[in-house]
Amino acid sequence: MLIIGAGGHGKVVADIAIEAGYEVMGFIDDNIKKAPLPDLKVLGSINVIPSIFSQVSNVRFILAIGDNATRRRIASSLSVDDKSFAVVCHPFTSVSKFANINSGTVIMPGAVINAGAYVGKHVIINTACSIDHDCNIGDYVHISPGAHLAGNVTVEEGTHIGTGAAVIPGCKIGKWSVIGAGAVVIEDIPPGVIAVGVPAKPIKKL
């Protein structure tokens, strides 16, 4: 596996990949030259990927980039198909066999994903968060540590759910919105806003 992104998030993703049984070749990063974990190297910038891909037939990738928009931009720029992106899941998680997890998603320690949940591409399911039954999580979403989504919640593409936030059953959060840390969502949130508080209310358009 190649880890694209050698920052703090890359460090955690590489550690999870190793715990999940992958052989991590190293990191790819345009700006960082020193690997964040011992015994691994930054192999070069993103333009070396085609040559590595041509030399190693079974190489898999994961985008270890915390910013949702940057993750989408880089995924769109790479000339590889979705099957080349792995799903990386720490062994200390609970993921239902009846959940649908798509390529490029990272599931961190202590996370719970229950039956009927759908998780899109390149999603970050962070430490000790939970996604209950029949939730629908769009591509490039980040669910932060300790956030909890009750059943039948929809989180559209690119949204960031802050640390410790909670969403009650049936709510919908629109595309590219941000839910602040500790917020409690009890009604639908429109796209492209920052919403904070208890209960969560939009305070700014993005």
N, C-alpha and C. Protein backbone atom coordinates (compact mmCIF):
# COMPACT_ATOMS: atom_id res chain seq x y z
N MET A 1 0.83 -1.20 0.00
CA MET A 1 0.00 0.00 0.00
C MET A 1 0.86 1.25 0.00
N LEU A 2 0.39 2.27 -0.71
CA LEU A 2 0.99 3.60 -0.67
C LEU A 2 0.04 4.53 0.07
N ILE A 3 0.58 5.31 0.98
CA ILE A 3 -0.18 6.29 1.73
C ILE A 3 0.06 7.65 1.09
N ILE A 4 -0.98 8.27 0.56
CA ILE A 4 -0.85 9.58 -0.07
C ILE A 4 -1.15 10.63 0.98
N GLY A 5 -0.10 11.28 1.46
CA GLY A 5 -0.20 12.24 2.54
C GLY A 5 0.67 11.80 3.71
N ALA A 6 1.67 12.62 4.06
CA ALA A 6 2.64 12.23 5.09
C ALA A 6 2.57 13.14 6.31
N GLY A 7 1.42 13.75 6.55
CA GLY A 7 1.23 14.57 7.73
C GLY A 7 0.75 13.74 8.91
N GLY A 8 0.16 14.43 9.91
CA GLY A 8 -0.32 13.73 11.09
C GLY A 8 -1.40 12.72 10.78
N HIS A 9 -2.32 13.08 9.88
CA HIS A 9 -3.37 12.13 9.50
C HIS A 9 -2.76 10.93 8.78
N GLY A 10 -1.75 11.17 7.95
CA GLY A 10 -1.06 10.08 7.27
C GLY A 10 -0.41 9.11 8.24
N LYS A 11 0.15 9.65 9.32
CA LYS A 11 0.75 8.81 10.36
C LYS A 11 -0.28 7.82 10.92
N VAL A 12 -1.46 8.34 11.25
CA VAL A 12 -2.51 7.49 11.83
C VAL A 12 -3.00 6.46 10.81
N VAL A 13 -3.21 6.90 9.56
CA VAL A 13 -3.71 5.99 8.53
C VAL A 13 -2.70 4.87 8.26
N ALA A 14 -1.42 5.22 8.19
CA ALA A 14 -0.39 4.20 7.97
C ALA A 14 -0.38 3.19 9.11
N ASP A 15 -0.49 3.67 10.33
CA ASP A 15 -0.52 2.78 11.49
C ASP A 15 -1.72 1.83 11.41
N ILE A 16 -2.89 2.36 11.03
CA ILE A 16 -4.08 1.52 10.89
C ILE A 16 -3.89 0.48 9.78
N ALA A 17 -3.30 0.91 8.66
CA ALA A 17 -3.06 -0.01 7.55
C ALA A 17 -2.16 -1.17 7.98
N ILE A 18 -1.12 -0.84 8.74
CA ILE A 18 -0.22 -1.89 9.23
C ILE A 18 -0.97 -2.83 10.17
N GLU A 19 -1.77 -2.28 11.08
CA GLU A 19 -2.55 -3.11 12.01
C GLU A 19 -3.55 -3.98 11.25
N ALA A 20 -4.02 -3.48 10.11
CA ALA A 20 -5.00 -4.24 9.31
C ALA A 20 -4.33 -5.29 8.42
N GLY A 21 -3.00 -5.36 8.43
CA GLY A 21 -2.30 -6.40 7.70
C GLY A 21 -1.71 -6.00 6.37
N TYR A 22 -1.78 -4.72 6.01
CA TYR A 22 -1.18 -4.27 4.76
C TYR A 22 0.33 -4.09 4.93
N GLU A 23 1.05 -4.32 3.84
CA GLU A 23 2.47 -3.96 3.77
C GLU A 23 2.55 -2.54 3.20
N VAL A 24 2.95 -1.60 4.03
CA VAL A 24 3.00 -0.21 3.61
C VAL A 24 4.36 0.07 2.97
N MET A 25 4.34 0.44 1.69
CA MET A 25 5.57 0.73 0.97
C MET A 25 6.19 2.06 1.41
N GLY A 26 5.33 3.02 1.73
CA GLY A 26 5.81 4.34 2.12
C GLY A 26 4.75 5.38 1.83
N PHE A 27 5.19 6.64 1.88
CA PHE A 27 4.28 7.78 1.72
C PHE A 27 4.57 8.50 0.41
N ILE A 28 3.53 9.14 -0.10
CA ILE A 28 3.64 10.05 -1.23
C ILE A 28 3.21 11.43 -0.75
N ASP A 29 4.05 12.44 -0.96
CA ASP A 29 3.68 13.79 -0.52
C ASP A 29 4.48 14.81 -1.32
N ASP A 30 3.80 15.86 -1.78
CA ASP A 30 4.46 16.90 -2.56
C ASP A 30 5.29 17.85 -1.70
N ASN A 31 4.98 17.94 -0.41
CA ASN A 31 5.60 18.97 0.43
C ASN A 31 6.41 18.43 1.59
N ILE A 32 6.08 17.23 2.07
CA ILE A 32 6.77 16.68 3.24
C ILE A 32 7.80 15.66 2.78
N LYS A 33 9.01 15.78 3.28
CA LYS A 33 10.11 14.91 2.83
C LYS A 33 10.47 13.83 3.83
N LYS A 34 10.07 14.01 5.09
CA LYS A 34 10.41 13.03 6.12
C LYS A 34 9.17 12.27 6.54
N ALA A 35 9.25 10.94 6.56
CA ALA A 35 8.10 10.13 6.92
C ALA A 35 7.75 10.31 8.38
N PRO A 36 6.45 10.30 8.72
CA PRO A 36 6.04 10.50 10.11
C PRO A 36 6.15 9.27 10.99
N LEU A 37 6.50 8.12 10.41
CA LEU A 37 6.68 6.89 11.18
C LEU A 37 8.05 6.29 10.88
N PRO A 38 8.69 5.67 11.87
CA PRO A 38 9.99 5.04 11.62
C PRO A 38 9.88 3.88 10.65
N ASP A 39 11.00 3.60 9.98
CA ASP A 39 11.12 2.47 9.04
C ASP A 39 10.31 2.65 7.76
N LEU A 40 9.72 3.83 7.56
CA LEU A 40 9.04 4.13 6.32
C LEU A 40 9.65 5.38 5.70
N LYS A 41 9.45 5.55 4.40
CA LYS A 41 10.04 6.68 3.69
C LYS A 41 8.97 7.43 2.90
N VAL A 42 9.25 8.70 2.63
CA VAL A 42 8.49 9.43 1.63
C VAL A 42 9.14 9.12 0.29
N LEU A 43 8.40 8.48 -0.59
CA LEU A 43 8.96 7.96 -1.84
C LEU A 43 9.01 9.01 -2.95
N GLY A 44 8.37 10.14 -2.72
CA GLY A 44 8.39 11.20 -3.72
C GLY A 44 7.06 11.93 -3.76
N SER A 45 6.94 12.80 -4.75
CA SER A 45 5.71 13.56 -4.92
C SER A 45 4.70 12.72 -5.69
N ILE A 46 3.53 13.29 -5.87
CA ILE A 46 2.42 12.53 -6.46
C ILE A 46 2.71 12.12 -7.92
N ASN A 47 3.65 12.80 -8.56
CA ASN A 47 3.94 12.46 -9.97
C ASN A 47 4.73 11.15 -10.12
N VAL A 48 5.18 10.54 -9.01
CA VAL A 48 5.86 9.24 -9.12
C VAL A 48 4.87 8.07 -9.10
N ILE A 49 3.60 8.36 -8.83
CA ILE A 49 2.62 7.27 -8.71
C ILE A 49 2.52 6.42 -9.98
N PRO A 50 2.44 7.02 -11.20
CA PRO A 50 2.33 6.16 -12.38
C PRO A 50 3.47 5.15 -12.53
N SER A 51 4.69 5.57 -12.20
CA SER A 51 5.81 4.64 -12.34
C SER A 51 5.74 3.53 -11.30
N ILE A 52 5.34 3.85 -10.08
CA ILE A 52 5.18 2.82 -9.05
C ILE A 52 4.06 1.86 -9.46
N PHE A 53 2.96 2.42 -9.94
CA PHE A 53 1.81 1.62 -10.33
C PHE A 53 2.17 0.65 -11.46
N SER A 54 3.04 1.08 -12.36
CA SER A 54 3.43 0.22 -13.48
C SER A 54 4.39 -0.88 -13.04
N GLN A 55 5.12 -0.66 -11.94
CA GLN A 55 6.11 -1.64 -11.47
C GLN A 55 5.53 -2.64 -10.48
N VAL A 56 4.51 -2.21 -9.72
CA VAL A 56 3.93 -3.08 -8.68
C VAL A 56 2.46 -3.30 -9.03
N SER A 57 2.14 -4.48 -9.52
CA SER A 57 0.81 -4.71 -10.10
C SER A 57 -0.30 -4.70 -9.07
N ASN A 58 0.01 -5.08 -7.83
CA ASN A 58 -1.06 -5.20 -6.83
C ASN A 58 -1.04 -4.06 -5.82
N VAL A 59 -0.41 -2.95 -6.15
CA VAL A 59 -0.35 -1.84 -5.19
C VAL A 59 -1.74 -1.24 -4.99
N ARG A 60 -2.03 -0.87 -3.75
CA ARG A 60 -3.27 -0.19 -3.40
C ARG A 60 -2.91 1.18 -2.82
N PHE A 61 -3.87 2.08 -2.87
CA PHE A 61 -3.66 3.44 -2.39
C PHE A 61 -4.68 3.80 -1.32
N ILE A 62 -4.32 4.75 -0.49
CA ILE A 62 -5.28 5.38 0.41
C ILE A 62 -4.91 6.86 0.51
N LEU A 63 -5.91 7.73 0.45
CA LEU A 63 -5.68 9.16 0.58
C LEU A 63 -5.75 9.55 2.05
N ALA A 64 -4.60 9.84 2.63
CA ALA A 64 -4.51 10.19 4.04
C ALA A 64 -4.43 11.71 4.18
N ILE A 65 -5.50 12.36 3.78
CA ILE A 65 -5.58 13.82 3.75
C ILE A 65 -6.87 14.22 4.46
N GLY A 66 -6.73 14.99 5.52
CA GLY A 66 -7.89 15.30 6.35
C GLY A 66 -8.88 16.25 5.72
N ASP A 67 -8.41 17.19 4.90
CA ASP A 67 -9.29 18.17 4.31
C ASP A 67 -10.12 17.53 3.20
N ASN A 68 -11.44 17.64 3.31
CA ASN A 68 -12.33 16.94 2.38
C ASN A 68 -12.17 17.41 0.94
N ALA A 69 -12.08 18.72 0.74
CA ALA A 69 -11.98 19.25 -0.62
C ALA A 69 -10.66 18.85 -1.28
N THR A 70 -9.58 18.87 -0.50
CA THR A 70 -8.28 18.46 -1.03
C THR A 70 -8.28 16.98 -1.37
N ARG A 71 -8.92 16.18 -0.52
CA ARG A 71 -9.01 14.74 -0.79
C ARG A 71 -9.76 14.49 -2.09
N ARG A 72 -10.85 15.22 -2.32
CA ARG A 72 -11.59 15.06 -3.58
C ARG A 72 -10.75 15.50 -4.77
N ARG A 73 -10.05 16.62 -4.64
CA ARG A 73 -9.25 17.14 -5.76
C ARG A 73 -8.17 16.14 -6.16
N ILE A 74 -7.48 15.57 -5.18
CA ILE A 74 -6.39 14.64 -5.49
C ILE A 74 -6.96 13.34 -6.05
N ALA A 75 -8.06 12.85 -5.48
CA ALA A 75 -8.66 11.63 -6.02
C ALA A 75 -9.04 11.81 -7.48
N SER A 76 -9.57 12.98 -7.82
CA SER A 76 -9.99 13.25 -9.20
C SER A 76 -8.80 13.37 -10.15
N SER A 77 -7.64 13.77 -9.61
CA SER A 77 -6.48 14.00 -10.46
C SER A 77 -5.69 12.73 -10.76
N LEU A 78 -5.90 11.68 -9.99
CA LEU A 78 -5.12 10.45 -10.16
C LEU A 78 -5.69 9.59 -11.27
N SER A 79 -4.81 9.06 -12.08
CA SER A 79 -5.25 8.22 -13.21
C SER A 79 -5.29 6.75 -12.79
N VAL A 80 -6.06 6.48 -11.73
CA VAL A 80 -6.25 5.10 -11.27
C VAL A 80 -7.74 4.89 -11.04
N ASP A 81 -8.18 3.64 -11.15
CA ASP A 81 -9.61 3.38 -10.97
C ASP A 81 -9.93 3.19 -9.49
N ASP A 82 -11.22 3.17 -9.19
CA ASP A 82 -11.65 3.07 -7.79
C ASP A 82 -11.14 1.81 -7.11
N LYS A 83 -10.97 0.73 -7.87
CA LYS A 83 -10.52 -0.53 -7.28
C LYS A 83 -9.09 -0.45 -6.74
N SER A 84 -8.35 0.57 -7.17
CA SER A 84 -6.98 0.73 -6.68
C SER A 84 -6.93 1.34 -5.28
N PHE A 85 -8.06 1.90 -4.83
CA PHE A 85 -8.11 2.48 -3.49
C PHE A 85 -8.63 1.44 -2.51
N ALA A 86 -7.91 1.25 -1.44
CA ALA A 86 -8.29 0.27 -0.43
C ALA A 86 -9.33 0.84 0.53
N VAL A 87 -10.01 -0.05 1.24
CA VAL A 87 -10.72 0.30 2.46
C VAL A 87 -9.82 -0.13 3.61
N VAL A 88 -9.48 0.81 4.48
CA VAL A 88 -8.57 0.52 5.59
C VAL A 88 -9.37 0.59 6.88
N CYS A 89 -9.45 -0.55 7.57
CA CYS A 89 -10.29 -0.67 8.76
C CYS A 89 -9.46 -1.24 9.91
N HIS A 90 -9.34 -0.48 10.99
CA HIS A 90 -8.60 -0.96 12.15
C HIS A 90 -9.30 -2.20 12.72
N PRO A 91 -8.54 -3.19 13.21
CA PRO A 91 -9.18 -4.41 13.73
C PRO A 91 -10.07 -4.17 14.94
N PHE A 92 -9.84 -3.08 15.69
CA PHE A 92 -10.67 -2.81 16.86
C PHE A 92 -11.83 -1.88 16.49
N THR A 93 -12.65 -2.33 15.57
CA THR A 93 -13.87 -1.62 15.18
C THR A 93 -15.01 -2.63 15.14
N SER A 94 -16.23 -2.12 15.01
CA SER A 94 -17.39 -3.00 14.82
C SER A 94 -18.12 -2.53 13.57
N VAL A 95 -17.94 -3.27 12.49
CA VAL A 95 -18.55 -2.92 11.21
C VAL A 95 -19.45 -4.07 10.78
N SER A 96 -20.73 -3.79 10.66
CA SER A 96 -21.69 -4.83 10.27
C SER A 96 -21.38 -5.38 8.89
N LYS A 97 -21.56 -6.68 8.73
CA LYS A 97 -21.41 -7.28 7.41
C LYS A 97 -22.53 -6.84 6.48
N PHE A 98 -23.55 -6.18 7.03
CA PHE A 98 -24.65 -5.68 6.23
C PHE A 98 -24.52 -4.18 5.94
N ALA A 99 -23.35 -3.61 6.27
CA ALA A 99 -23.06 -2.23 5.89
C ALA A 99 -22.31 -2.24 4.56
N ASN A 100 -22.43 -1.16 3.82
CA ASN A 100 -21.78 -1.03 2.51
C ASN A 100 -20.71 0.05 2.62
N ILE A 101 -19.45 -0.36 2.55
CA ILE A 101 -18.32 0.56 2.71
C ILE A 101 -17.59 0.67 1.38
N ASN A 102 -17.43 1.88 0.85
CA ASN A 102 -16.85 2.05 -0.48
C ASN A 102 -15.37 2.40 -0.45
N SER A 103 -14.76 2.37 -1.62
CA SER A 103 -13.30 2.46 -1.77
C SER A 103 -12.73 3.75 -1.21
N GLY A 104 -11.53 3.63 -0.65
CA GLY A 104 -10.81 4.80 -0.15
C GLY A 104 -11.18 5.23 1.25
N THR A 105 -12.11 4.52 1.88
CA THR A 105 -12.57 4.90 3.22
C THR A 105 -11.65 4.35 4.29
N VAL A 106 -11.44 5.15 5.33
CA VAL A 106 -10.64 4.75 6.49
C VAL A 106 -11.55 4.69 7.72
N ILE A 107 -11.48 3.58 8.45
CA ILE A 107 -12.28 3.39 9.65
C ILE A 107 -11.32 3.21 10.83
N MET A 108 -11.37 4.14 11.77
CA MET A 108 -10.38 4.22 12.84
C MET A 108 -10.82 3.44 14.08
N PRO A 109 -9.90 3.24 15.04
CA PRO A 109 -10.19 2.38 16.19
C PRO A 109 -11.43 2.83 16.96
N GLY A 110 -12.22 1.86 17.39
CA GLY A 110 -13.38 2.12 18.22
C GLY A 110 -14.62 2.56 17.48
N ALA A 111 -14.54 2.71 16.17
CA ALA A 111 -15.71 3.13 15.40
C ALA A 111 -16.72 1.99 15.29
N VAL A 112 -18.00 2.36 15.19
CA VAL A 112 -19.08 1.40 15.03
C VAL A 112 -19.92 1.81 13.82
N ILE A 113 -20.14 0.87 12.91
CA ILE A 113 -21.01 1.09 11.75
C ILE A 113 -22.01 -0.05 11.73
N ASN A 114 -23.28 0.30 11.83
CA ASN A 114 -24.31 -0.73 12.00
C ASN A 114 -24.99 -1.12 10.68
N ALA A 115 -25.84 -2.12 10.77
CA ALA A 115 -26.46 -2.74 9.60
C ALA A 115 -27.25 -1.73 8.78
N GLY A 116 -27.13 -1.87 7.46
CA GLY A 116 -27.87 -1.02 6.54
C GLY A 116 -27.22 0.31 6.25
N ALA A 117 -26.12 0.62 6.92
CA ALA A 117 -25.44 1.89 6.66
C ALA A 117 -24.72 1.83 5.32
N TYR A 118 -24.72 2.97 4.63
CA TYR A 118 -23.98 3.12 3.38
C TYR A 118 -22.94 4.21 3.61
N VAL A 119 -21.68 3.89 3.31
CA VAL A 119 -20.57 4.84 3.46
C VAL A 119 -19.90 5.00 2.09
N GLY A 120 -19.84 6.23 1.60
CA GLY A 120 -19.33 6.49 0.26
C GLY A 120 -17.83 6.37 0.13
N LYS A 121 -17.29 6.93 -0.93
CA LYS A 121 -15.86 6.84 -1.24
C LYS A 121 -15.06 7.90 -0.48
N HIS A 122 -13.85 7.50 -0.08
CA HIS A 122 -12.87 8.41 0.52
C HIS A 122 -13.45 9.13 1.75
N VAL A 123 -14.14 8.37 2.58
CA VAL A 123 -14.73 8.89 3.81
C VAL A 123 -13.78 8.61 4.97
N ILE A 124 -13.73 9.52 5.94
CA ILE A 124 -12.98 9.31 7.18
C ILE A 124 -13.99 9.04 8.29
N ILE A 125 -13.95 7.83 8.83
CA ILE A 125 -14.74 7.45 10.00
C ILE A 125 -13.77 7.44 11.17
N ASN A 126 -13.77 8.50 11.94
CA ASN A 126 -12.69 8.72 12.90
C ASN A 126 -12.92 7.96 14.21
N THR A 127 -11.97 8.14 15.12
CA THR A 127 -11.86 7.35 16.34
C THR A 127 -13.14 7.41 17.18
N ALA A 128 -13.67 6.22 17.54
CA ALA A 128 -14.76 6.08 18.50
C ALA A 128 -16.02 6.84 18.10
N CYS A 129 -16.27 6.99 16.80
CA CYS A 129 -17.55 7.55 16.37
C CYS A 129 -18.49 6.42 16.00
N SER A 130 -19.78 6.74 15.86
CA SER A 130 -20.73 5.68 15.53
C SER A 130 -21.70 6.14 14.44
N ILE A 131 -22.01 5.20 13.56
CA ILE A 131 -22.96 5.41 12.47
C ILE A 131 -24.00 4.31 12.58
N ASP A 132 -25.23 4.68 12.90
CA ASP A 132 -26.22 3.67 13.20
C ASP A 132 -26.92 3.18 11.93
N HIS A 133 -27.93 2.35 12.13
CA HIS A 133 -28.58 1.64 11.03
C HIS A 133 -29.13 2.59 9.97
N ASP A 134 -28.93 2.19 8.73
CA ASP A 134 -29.56 2.84 7.57
C ASP A 134 -29.13 4.29 7.36
N CYS A 135 -27.99 4.69 7.92
CA CYS A 135 -27.44 6.01 7.60
C CYS A 135 -26.87 5.99 6.18
N ASN A 136 -26.85 7.15 5.55
CA ASN A 136 -26.31 7.30 4.21
C ASN A 136 -25.25 8.39 4.25
N ILE A 137 -23.98 7.99 4.09
CA ILE A 137 -22.85 8.91 4.21
C ILE A 137 -22.25 9.11 2.82
N GLY A 138 -22.25 10.35 2.33
CA GLY A 138 -21.77 10.64 0.99
C GLY A 138 -20.26 10.59 0.87
N ASP A 139 -19.78 10.73 -0.36
CA ASP A 139 -18.34 10.72 -0.62
C ASP A 139 -17.65 11.91 0.07
N TYR A 140 -16.39 11.69 0.46
CA TYR A 140 -15.51 12.75 0.98
C TYR A 140 -16.02 13.39 2.28
N VAL A 141 -16.81 12.66 3.03
CA VAL A 141 -17.28 13.12 4.34
C VAL A 141 -16.21 12.79 5.39
N HIS A 142 -16.17 13.58 6.45
CA HIS A 142 -15.32 13.29 7.62
C HIS A 142 -16.21 13.31 8.86
N ILE A 143 -16.32 12.15 9.52
CA ILE A 143 -17.01 12.05 10.80
C ILE A 143 -15.93 12.04 11.89
N SER A 144 -15.86 13.09 12.68
CA SER A 144 -14.75 13.30 13.61
C SER A 144 -14.85 12.39 14.85
N PRO A 145 -13.76 12.34 15.64
CA PRO A 145 -13.76 11.47 16.83
C PRO A 145 -14.94 11.75 17.76
N GLY A 146 -15.56 10.67 18.22
CA GLY A 146 -16.60 10.77 19.22
C GLY A 146 -17.92 11.31 18.73
N ALA A 147 -18.09 11.49 17.43
CA ALA A 147 -19.38 11.95 16.89
C ALA A 147 -20.32 10.75 16.76
N HIS A 148 -21.62 11.00 16.92
CA HIS A 148 -22.59 9.90 16.90
C HIS A 148 -23.78 10.25 16.02
N LEU A 149 -24.05 9.38 15.05
CA LEU A 149 -25.18 9.53 14.14
C LEU A 149 -26.20 8.46 14.46
N ALA A 150 -27.41 8.87 14.82
CA ALA A 150 -28.48 7.91 15.06
C ALA A 150 -28.98 7.35 13.72
N GLY A 151 -29.99 6.50 13.77
CA GLY A 151 -30.45 5.80 12.58
C GLY A 151 -31.06 6.72 11.53
N ASN A 152 -30.91 6.30 10.27
CA ASN A 152 -31.54 6.98 9.12
C ASN A 152 -31.08 8.42 8.92
N VAL A 153 -29.86 8.71 9.30
CA VAL A 153 -29.28 10.04 9.07
C VAL A 153 -28.63 10.06 7.68
N THR A 154 -28.81 11.17 6.97
CA THR A 154 -28.14 11.37 5.69
C THR A 154 -27.12 12.50 5.84
N VAL A 155 -25.87 12.21 5.45
CA VAL A 155 -24.81 13.21 5.45
C VAL A 155 -24.29 13.30 4.03
N GLU A 156 -24.55 14.42 3.37
CA GLU A 156 -24.21 14.53 1.95
C GLU A 156 -22.73 14.84 1.75
N GLU A 157 -22.30 14.74 0.50
CA GLU A 157 -20.90 14.82 0.09
C GLU A 157 -20.15 16.00 0.73
N GLY A 158 -18.93 15.69 1.19
CA GLY A 158 -18.00 16.72 1.61
C GLY A 158 -18.23 17.33 2.97
N THR A 159 -19.24 16.87 3.68
CA THR A 159 -19.57 17.46 4.98
C THR A 159 -18.58 17.00 6.05
N HIS A 160 -18.34 17.89 7.01
CA HIS A 160 -17.48 17.58 8.16
C HIS A 160 -18.34 17.65 9.42
N ILE A 161 -18.41 16.52 10.13
CA ILE A 161 -19.12 16.44 11.41
C ILE A 161 -18.07 16.57 12.51
N GLY A 162 -18.18 17.60 13.34
CA GLY A 162 -17.14 17.89 14.32
C GLY A 162 -17.08 16.91 15.48
N THR A 163 -15.99 16.98 16.21
CA THR A 163 -15.75 16.10 17.35
C THR A 163 -16.88 16.19 18.37
N GLY A 164 -17.39 15.02 18.75
CA GLY A 164 -18.40 14.96 19.79
C GLY A 164 -19.78 15.42 19.39
N ALA A 165 -20.01 15.69 18.12
CA ALA A 165 -21.34 16.11 17.67
C ALA A 165 -22.30 14.91 17.70
N ALA A 166 -23.60 15.22 17.76
CA ALA A 166 -24.62 14.17 17.74
C ALA A 166 -25.72 14.58 16.77
N VAL A 167 -26.27 13.59 16.07
CA VAL A 167 -27.34 13.83 15.10
C VAL A 167 -28.48 12.87 15.41
N ILE A 168 -29.69 13.42 15.61
CA ILE A 168 -30.82 12.56 15.98
C ILE A 168 -31.36 11.84 14.74
N PRO A 169 -32.20 10.83 14.93
CA PRO A 169 -32.66 10.02 13.79
C PRO A 169 -33.35 10.83 12.71
N GLY A 170 -33.06 10.45 11.46
CA GLY A 170 -33.79 10.97 10.31
C GLY A 170 -33.34 12.31 9.78
N CYS A 171 -32.36 12.95 10.40
CA CYS A 171 -31.92 14.27 9.94
C CYS A 171 -31.08 14.16 8.68
N LYS A 172 -31.09 15.23 7.88
CA LYS A 172 -30.29 15.32 6.67
C LYS A 172 -29.38 16.54 6.76
N ILE A 173 -28.10 16.33 6.47
CA ILE A 173 -27.12 17.42 6.47
C ILE A 173 -26.63 17.61 5.05
N GLY A 174 -26.78 18.83 4.53
CA GLY A 174 -26.51 19.10 3.12
C GLY A 174 -25.03 19.10 2.78
N LYS A 175 -24.76 19.09 1.48
CA LYS A 175 -23.40 19.00 0.94
C LYS A 175 -22.49 20.10 1.47
N TRP A 176 -21.25 19.69 1.78
CA TRP A 176 -20.16 20.61 2.10
C TRP A 176 -20.49 21.56 3.25
N SER A 177 -21.26 21.06 4.19
CA SER A 177 -21.51 21.81 5.43
C SER A 177 -20.52 21.36 6.51
N VAL A 178 -20.45 22.15 7.56
CA VAL A 178 -19.61 21.85 8.72
C VAL A 178 -20.50 21.90 9.96
N ILE A 179 -20.48 20.81 10.72
CA ILE A 179 -21.19 20.76 11.99
C ILE A 179 -20.16 20.90 13.10
N GLY A 180 -20.31 21.91 13.93
CA GLY A 180 -19.30 22.22 14.93
C GLY A 180 -19.16 21.15 16.00
N ALA A 181 -18.01 21.16 16.67
CA ALA A 181 -17.75 20.22 17.75
C ALA A 181 -18.81 20.37 18.84
N GLY A 182 -19.32 19.22 19.30
CA GLY A 182 -20.29 19.22 20.38
C GLY A 182 -21.70 19.64 20.00
N ALA A 183 -21.93 19.94 18.73
CA ALA A 183 -23.27 20.36 18.31
C ALA A 183 -24.25 19.19 18.37
N VAL A 184 -25.52 19.53 18.54
CA VAL A 184 -26.58 18.53 18.52
C VAL A 184 -27.57 18.89 17.41
N VAL A 185 -27.60 18.05 16.38
CA VAL A 185 -28.44 18.31 15.21
C VAL A 185 -29.79 17.65 15.43
N ILE A 186 -30.86 18.48 15.50
CA ILE A 186 -32.20 17.94 15.71
C ILE A 186 -33.14 18.26 14.55
N GLU A 187 -32.62 18.94 13.52
CA GLU A 187 -33.40 19.22 12.31
C GLU A 187 -32.45 19.29 11.13
N ASP A 188 -33.00 19.23 9.92
CA ASP A 188 -32.15 19.23 8.72
C ASP A 188 -31.29 20.49 8.67
N ILE A 189 -30.06 20.31 8.14
CA ILE A 189 -29.11 21.41 7.96
C ILE A 189 -28.91 21.60 6.46
N PRO A 190 -29.03 22.83 5.96
CA PRO A 190 -28.89 23.04 4.51
C PRO A 190 -27.45 22.86 4.04
N PRO A 191 -27.24 22.77 2.73
CA PRO A 191 -25.88 22.65 2.21
C PRO A 191 -25.09 23.93 2.40
N GLY A 192 -23.76 23.75 2.51
CA GLY A 192 -22.84 24.87 2.45
C GLY A 192 -22.92 25.85 3.60
N VAL A 193 -23.13 25.34 4.83
CA VAL A 193 -23.17 26.23 5.98
C VAL A 193 -22.32 25.66 7.11
N ILE A 194 -21.98 26.55 8.06
CA ILE A 194 -21.45 26.11 9.35
C ILE A 194 -22.61 26.15 10.34
N ALA A 195 -22.83 25.05 11.04
CA ALA A 195 -23.88 24.99 12.05
C ALA A 195 -23.27 24.58 13.39
N VAL A 196 -23.62 25.32 14.44
CA VAL A 196 -23.05 25.05 15.76
C VAL A 196 -24.16 25.14 16.80
N GLY A 197 -23.85 24.61 18.00
CA GLY A 197 -24.72 24.83 19.14
C GLY A 197 -25.62 23.66 19.47
N VAL A 198 -26.37 23.86 20.55
CA VAL A 198 -27.33 22.87 21.04
C VAL A 198 -28.68 23.58 21.24
N PRO A 199 -29.61 23.41 20.32
CA PRO A 199 -29.51 22.62 19.09
C PRO A 199 -28.70 23.36 18.02
N ALA A 200 -28.20 22.61 17.05
CA ALA A 200 -27.36 23.19 16.01
C ALA A 200 -28.16 24.11 15.11
N LYS A 201 -27.60 25.32 14.86
CA LYS A 201 -28.20 26.29 13.96
C LYS A 201 -27.13 26.83 13.01
N PRO A 202 -27.48 27.05 11.73
CA PRO A 202 -26.51 27.64 10.81
C PRO A 202 -26.13 29.05 11.26
N ILE A 203 -24.83 29.34 11.24
CA ILE A 203 -24.36 30.68 11.62
C ILE A 203 -23.60 31.38 10.50
N LYS A 204 -23.25 30.61 9.44
CA LYS A 204 -22.44 31.21 8.38
C LYS A 204 -22.58 30.37 7.12
N LYS A 205 -22.65 31.05 5.97
CA LYS A 205 -22.61 30.36 4.69
C LYS A 205 -21.16 30.17 4.25
N LEU A 206 -20.90 29.04 3.61
CA LEU A 206 -19.55 28.76 3.10
C LEU A 206 -19.51 28.98 1.59
